[in-house]
Amino acid sequence: MTEKATFAGGCFWCMVKPFDQFDGIEQVVSGYSGGHVENPTYEQVKSGTTGHLEVVEITFQPDVFPYEQLLDIFWQQIDPTDNDGQFQDRGPSYRAAIFVHNDRQRVMAEKSKQELDNSGRFNKPVVTEIRDAAPFYAAEDYHQDFYRKNAEHYQKDRAESGRDKFLSEAWEKVDA
């Protein structure tokens, strides 16, 4: 049996690879969710007028790779204190959020958010939203598996975004 998990963490290109490498993860699809326009295009979403966020939808086997582990990976990919976008990607479509698909996911997401906020890891409050799952629209083909298909561009974009530097500094104390 599989479940879905949906996470927004800024540019979806950077959110695929961290999840796309484990047994129990069947698929990671870049797309859009949370807006009011059906079948939006990348250009529409990027304009900030559709209400959508760039997301990844993960199909996973919870008995092999539990949702709690997905949450741990998610938090370590974002700046959970920034509500105006992520890293160099600014604007409403690049905000971080967890879209929950059921009550169990909501309880786990709320608990993990509270634990992170209470941890003292960040000097500002954790503001990442937890929202009900909304219709998901897969992004255009050229956005899928971008880190594989365009490895050089992906690495350059990640390096220039400030994401890796922030994550390295924010999470260096993990398991220390």
C-alpha atoms as a PDB file:
ATOM      1  CA  MET A   1       0.000   0.000   0.000  1.00  0.00           C
ATOM      2  CA  THR A   2       1.260   3.466  -0.848  1.00  0.00           C
ATOM      3  CA  GLU A   3       0.521   6.964   0.414  1.00  0.00           C
ATOM      4  CA  LYS A   4       1.129  10.457  -0.901  1.00  0.00           C
ATOM      5  CA  ALA A   5       3.123  13.195   0.796  1.00  0.00           C
ATOM      6  CA  THR A   6       3.280  16.719  -0.594  1.00  0.00           C
ATOM      7  CA  PHE A   7       5.901  19.290   0.358  1.00  0.00           C
ATOM      8  CA  ALA A   8       6.625  22.824  -0.829  1.00  0.00           C
ATOM      9  CA  GLY A   9      10.193  23.920  -0.237  1.00  0.00           C
ATOM     10  CA  GLY A  10      10.915  26.686  -2.693  1.00  0.00           C
ATOM     11  CA  CYS A  11      12.168  25.654  -6.106  1.00  0.00           C
ATOM     12  CA  PHE A  12      10.900  22.141  -6.754  1.00  0.00           C
ATOM     13  CA  TRP A  13      14.086  21.245  -8.616  1.00  0.00           C
ATOM     14  CA  CYS A  14      15.899  21.238  -5.271  1.00  0.00           C
ATOM     15  CA  MET A  15      13.237  19.203  -3.492  1.00  0.00           C
ATOM     16  CA  VAL A  16      13.280  16.069  -5.663  1.00  0.00           C
ATOM     17  CA  LYS A  17      16.768  14.635  -5.150  1.00  0.00           C
ATOM     18  CA  PRO A  18      16.692  14.528  -1.311  1.00  0.00           C
ATOM     19  CA  PHE A  19      13.688  12.187  -1.408  1.00  0.00           C
ATOM     20  CA  ASP A  20      14.452  10.335  -4.643  1.00  0.00           C
ATOM     21  CA  GLN A  21      17.067   7.963  -3.276  1.00  0.00           C
ATOM     22  CA  PHE A  22      15.471   5.642  -0.741  1.00  0.00           C
ATOM     23  CA  ASP A  23      13.820   2.254  -0.772  1.00  0.00           C
ATOM     24  CA  GLY A  24      10.108   2.736  -0.215  1.00  0.00           C
ATOM     25  CA  ILE A  25       9.959   5.950  -2.245  1.00  0.00           C
ATOM     26  CA  GLU A  26       8.221   4.995  -5.473  1.00  0.00           C
ATOM     27  CA  GLN A  27       8.007   8.366  -7.212  1.00  0.00           C
ATOM     28  CA  VAL A  28       8.771  12.059  -6.687  1.00  0.00           C
ATOM     29  CA  VAL A  29       6.933  14.396  -9.058  1.00  0.00           C
ATOM     30  CA  SER A  30       7.458  18.150  -9.362  1.00  0.00           C
ATOM     31  CA  GLY A  31       4.267  20.147  -9.585  1.00  0.00           C
ATOM     32  CA  TYR A  32       1.919  22.760  -8.242  1.00  0.00           C
ATOM     33  CA  SER A  33      -0.654  22.735  -5.451  1.00  0.00           C
ATOM     34  CA  GLY A  34      -2.688  25.024  -3.252  1.00  0.00           C
ATOM     35  CA  GLY A  35      -3.996  27.457  -5.840  1.00  0.00           C
ATOM     36  CA  HIS A  36      -7.254  28.377  -7.515  1.00  0.00           C
ATOM     37  CA  VAL A  37      -6.458  27.794 -11.217  1.00  0.00           C
ATOM     38  CA  GLU A  38      -6.910  24.368 -12.796  1.00  0.00           C
ATOM     39  CA  ASN A  39      -3.927  22.935 -14.672  1.00  0.00           C
ATOM     40  CA  PRO A  40      -1.661  25.948 -14.202  1.00  0.00           C
ATOM     41  CA  THR A  41       1.495  26.404 -16.229  1.00  0.00           C
ATOM     42  CA  TYR A  42       4.905  27.163 -14.786  1.00  0.00           C
ATOM     43  CA  GLU A  43       4.712  30.740 -16.072  1.00  0.00           C
ATOM     44  CA  GLN A  44       1.305  31.255 -14.443  1.00  0.00           C
ATOM     45  CA  VAL A  45       2.495  29.878 -11.096  1.00  0.00           C
ATOM     46  CA  LYS A  46       5.758  31.820 -11.217  1.00  0.00           C
ATOM     47  CA  SER A  47       3.766  35.039 -11.722  1.00  0.00           C
ATOM     48  CA  GLY A  48       2.313  34.545  -8.233  1.00  0.00           C
ATOM     49  CA  THR A  49      -1.273  35.069  -9.393  1.00  0.00           C
ATOM     50  CA  THR A  50      -2.608  31.492  -9.180  1.00  0.00           C
ATOM     51  CA  GLY A  51      -2.087  30.872  -5.477  1.00  0.00           C
ATOM     52  CA  HIS A  52      -0.106  27.702  -6.178  1.00  0.00           C
ATOM     53  CA  LEU A  53       3.146  26.711  -4.546  1.00  0.00           C
ATOM     54  CA  GLU A  54       5.870  24.724  -6.279  1.00  0.00           C
ATOM     55  CA  VAL A  55       5.687  21.299  -4.622  1.00  0.00           C
ATOM     56  CA  VAL A  56       6.878  17.743  -4.843  1.00  0.00           C
ATOM     57  CA  GLU A  57       4.361  14.941  -4.556  1.00  0.00           C
ATOM     58  CA  ILE A  58       5.934  11.790  -3.166  1.00  0.00           C
ATOM     59  CA  THR A  59       4.412   8.348  -3.543  1.00  0.00           C
ATOM     60  CA  PHE A  60       5.829   6.183  -0.774  1.00  0.00           C
ATOM     61  CA  GLN A  61       5.381   2.937   1.097  1.00  0.00           C
ATOM     62  CA  PRO A  62       4.890   3.935   4.751  1.00  0.00           C
ATOM     63  CA  ASP A  63       5.788   0.460   6.023  1.00  0.00           C
ATOM     64  CA  VAL A  64       9.195   0.777   4.299  1.00  0.00           C
ATOM     65  CA  PHE A  65       9.837   4.524   4.577  1.00  0.00           C
ATOM     66  CA  PRO A  66       7.673   6.130   7.290  1.00  0.00           C
ATOM     67  CA  TYR A  67       6.118   9.574   6.951  1.00  0.00           C
ATOM     68  CA  GLU A  68       8.105  10.768   9.978  1.00  0.00           C
ATOM     69  CA  GLN A  69      11.317  10.196   8.008  1.00  0.00           C
ATOM     70  CA  LEU A  70       9.928  12.204   5.103  1.00  0.00           C
ATOM     71  CA  LEU A  71       9.250  15.050   7.532  1.00  0.00           C
ATOM     72  CA  ASP A  72      12.814  14.882   8.859  1.00  0.00           C
ATOM     73  CA  ILE A  73      14.182  15.138   5.320  1.00  0.00           C
ATOM     74  CA  PHE A  74      11.782  17.971   4.463  1.00  0.00           C
ATOM     75  CA  TRP A  75      12.799  20.168   7.396  1.00  0.00           C
ATOM     76  CA  GLN A  76      16.457  19.750   6.493  1.00  0.00           C
ATOM     77  CA  GLN A  77      15.862  21.135   2.949  1.00  0.00           C
ATOM     78  CA  ILE A  78      14.309  24.503   3.846  1.00  0.00           C
ATOM     79  CA  ASP A  79      14.560  27.616   5.973  1.00  0.00           C
ATOM     80  CA  PRO A  80      11.434  27.062   8.086  1.00  0.00           C
ATOM     81  CA  THR A  81      11.606  30.635   9.430  1.00  0.00           C
ATOM     82  CA  ASP A  82      11.180  32.309   6.018  1.00  0.00           C
ATOM     83  CA  ASN A  83       7.604  32.883   4.867  1.00  0.00           C
ATOM     84  CA  ASP A  84       8.466  34.969   1.793  1.00  0.00           C
ATOM     85  CA  GLY A  85      10.063  32.251  -0.333  1.00  0.00           C
ATOM     86  CA  GLN A  86      13.129  30.072  -0.048  1.00  0.00           C
ATOM     87  CA  PHE A  87      16.674  31.262  -0.570  1.00  0.00           C
ATOM     88  CA  GLN A  88      17.056  33.129  -3.894  1.00  0.00           C
ATOM     89  CA  ASP A  89      13.529  32.167  -4.957  1.00  0.00           C
ATOM     90  CA  ARG A  90      11.205  34.830  -3.594  1.00  0.00           C
ATOM     91  CA  GLY A  91       7.463  35.241  -3.765  1.00  0.00           C
ATOM     92  CA  PRO A  92       4.316  33.350  -2.854  1.00  0.00           C
ATOM     93  CA  SER A  93       4.873  30.378  -5.172  1.00  0.00           C
ATOM     94  CA  TYR A  94       8.183  29.602  -3.431  1.00  0.00           C
ATOM     95  CA  ARG A  95       6.905  29.508   0.156  1.00  0.00           C
ATOM     96  CA  ALA A  96       7.466  26.382   2.212  1.00  0.00           C
ATOM     97  CA  ALA A  97       4.488  24.280   3.321  1.00  0.00           C
ATOM     98  CA  ILE A  98       3.459  20.768   4.238  1.00  0.00           C
ATOM     99  CA  PHE A  99       0.270  19.573   2.546  1.00  0.00           C
ATOM    100  CA  VAL A 100      -1.240  16.794   4.680  1.00  0.00           C
ATOM    101  CA  HIS A 101      -3.331  14.039   3.130  1.00  0.00           C
ATOM    102  CA  ASN A 102      -4.980  12.702   6.289  1.00  0.00           C
ATOM    103  CA  ASP A 103      -5.359  13.300  10.028  1.00  0.00           C
ATOM    104  CA  ARG A 104      -2.424  11.052  10.888  1.00  0.00           C
ATOM    105  CA  GLN A 105      -0.109  13.084   8.668  1.00  0.00           C
ATOM    106  CA  ARG A 106      -1.452  16.287  10.233  1.00  0.00           C
ATOM    107  CA  VAL A 107      -0.679  15.076  13.762  1.00  0.00           C
ATOM    108  CA  MET A 108       2.849  14.018  12.772  1.00  0.00           C
ATOM    109  CA  ALA A 109       3.504  17.256  10.850  1.00  0.00           C
ATOM    110  CA  GLU A 110       2.249  19.459  13.707  1.00  0.00           C
ATOM    111  CA  LYS A 111       4.348  17.499  16.212  1.00  0.00           C
ATOM    112  CA  SER A 112       7.511  17.717  14.101  1.00  0.00           C
ATOM    113  CA  LYS A 113       6.986  21.452  13.538  1.00  0.00           C
ATOM    114  CA  GLN A 114       6.521  22.058  17.258  1.00  0.00           C
ATOM    115  CA  GLU A 115       9.600  19.994  18.117  1.00  0.00           C
ATOM    116  CA  LEU A 116      11.689  21.937  15.593  1.00  0.00           C
ATOM    117  CA  ASP A 117      10.370  25.266  16.883  1.00  0.00           C
ATOM    118  CA  ASN A 118      11.160  24.257  20.476  1.00  0.00           C
ATOM    119  CA  SER A 119      14.620  22.920  19.603  1.00  0.00           C
ATOM    120  CA  GLY A 120      16.325  26.316  19.621  1.00  0.00           C
ATOM    121  CA  ARG A 121      18.007  25.487  16.308  1.00  0.00           C
ATOM    122  CA  PHE A 122      16.686  28.712  14.762  1.00  0.00           C
ATOM    123  CA  ASN A 123      16.619  32.160  16.356  1.00  0.00           C
ATOM    124  CA  LYS A 124      13.276  32.991  14.700  1.00  0.00           C
ATOM    125  CA  PRO A 125       9.969  31.107  14.911  1.00  0.00           C
ATOM    126  CA  VAL A 126       9.200  28.227  12.561  1.00  0.00           C
ATOM    127  CA  VAL A 127       6.509  29.640  10.252  1.00  0.00           C
ATOM    128  CA  THR A 128       6.119  26.849   7.679  1.00  0.00           C
ATOM    129  CA  GLU A 129       2.424  26.283   7.078  1.00  0.00           C
ATOM    130  CA  ILE A 130       0.674  22.949   7.459  1.00  0.00           C
ATOM    131  CA  ARG A 131      -2.222  22.836   5.029  1.00  0.00           C
ATOM    132  CA  ASP A 132      -4.787  20.339   3.821  1.00  0.00           C
ATOM    133  CA  ALA A 133      -3.779  18.600   0.619  1.00  0.00           C
ATOM    134  CA  ALA A 134      -5.162  20.350  -2.439  1.00  0.00           C
ATOM    135  CA  PRO A 135      -5.356  19.261  -6.067  1.00  0.00           C
ATOM    136  CA  PHE A 136      -1.913  18.473  -7.430  1.00  0.00           C
ATOM    137  CA  TYR A 137      -0.893  19.339 -10.979  1.00  0.00           C
ATOM    138  CA  ALA A 138       2.289  17.818 -12.367  1.00  0.00           C
ATOM    139  CA  ALA A 139       4.741  20.359 -13.751  1.00  0.00           C
ATOM    140  CA  GLU A 140       5.842  20.323 -17.360  1.00  0.00           C
ATOM    141  CA  ASP A 141       8.090  17.431 -18.426  1.00  0.00           C
ATOM    142  CA  TYR A 142      11.243  19.553 -18.559  1.00  0.00           C
ATOM    143  CA  HIS A 143      10.910  20.172 -14.790  1.00  0.00           C
ATOM    144  CA  GLN A 144      10.718  16.464 -13.911  1.00  0.00           C
ATOM    145  CA  ASP A 145      13.928  14.880 -12.569  1.00  0.00           C
ATOM    146  CA  PHE A 146      15.749  18.114 -13.353  1.00  0.00           C
ATOM    147  CA  TYR A 147      18.702  17.179 -11.161  1.00  0.00           C
ATOM    148  CA  ARG A 148      19.337  14.148 -13.385  1.00  0.00           C
ATOM    149  CA  LYS A 149      18.513  15.588 -16.795  1.00  0.00           C
ATOM    150  CA  ASN A 150      20.347  18.885 -16.248  1.00  0.00           C
ATOM    151  CA  ALA A 151      22.911  18.040 -13.586  1.00  0.00           C
ATOM    152  CA  GLU A 152      25.278  20.927 -14.311  1.00  0.00           C
ATOM    153  CA  HIS A 153      22.515  23.560 -14.324  1.00  0.00           C
ATOM    154  CA  TYR A 154      21.001  22.021 -11.186  1.00  0.00           C
ATOM    155  CA  GLN A 155      24.296  22.132  -9.276  1.00  0.00           C
ATOM    156  CA  LYS A 156      25.000  25.714 -10.378  1.00  0.00           C
ATOM    157  CA  ASP A 157      21.508  26.868  -9.393  1.00  0.00           C
ATOM    158  CA  ARG A 158      21.754  25.183  -5.985  1.00  0.00           C
ATOM    159  CA  ALA A 159      25.157  26.694  -5.290  1.00  0.00           C
ATOM    160  CA  GLU A 160      24.084  30.204  -6.307  1.00  0.00           C
ATOM    161  CA  SER A 161      20.812  30.051  -4.373  1.00  0.00           C
ATOM    162  CA  GLY A 162      22.438  30.004  -0.934  1.00  0.00           C
ATOM    163  CA  ARG A 163      20.439  26.882  -0.054  1.00  0.00           C
ATOM    164  CA  ASP A 164      23.411  24.564   0.514  1.00  0.00           C
ATOM    165  CA  LYS A 165      25.313  27.110   2.603  1.00  0.00           C
ATOM    166  CA  PHE A 166      22.285  27.756   4.824  1.00  0.00           C
ATOM    167  CA  LEU A 167      21.463  24.068   5.222  1.00  0.00           C
ATOM    168  CA  SER A 168      25.049  23.199   6.047  1.00  0.00           C
ATOM    169  CA  GLU A 169      25.185  25.852   8.745  1.00  0.00           C
ATOM    170  CA  ALA A 170      21.698  25.175  10.130  1.00  0.00           C
ATOM    171  CA  TRP A 171      22.065  21.420  10.342  1.00  0.00           C
ATOM    172  CA  GLU A 172      25.771  20.982  11.125  1.00  0.00           C
ATOM    173  CA  LYS A 173      24.842  20.149  14.708  1.00  0.00           C
ATOM    174  CA  VAL A 174      22.661  17.215  13.648  1.00  0.00           C
ATOM    175  CA  ASP A 175      23.823  14.004  15.320  1.00  0.00           C
ATOM    176  CA  ALA A 176      26.731  15.899  16.891  1.00  0.00           C
END
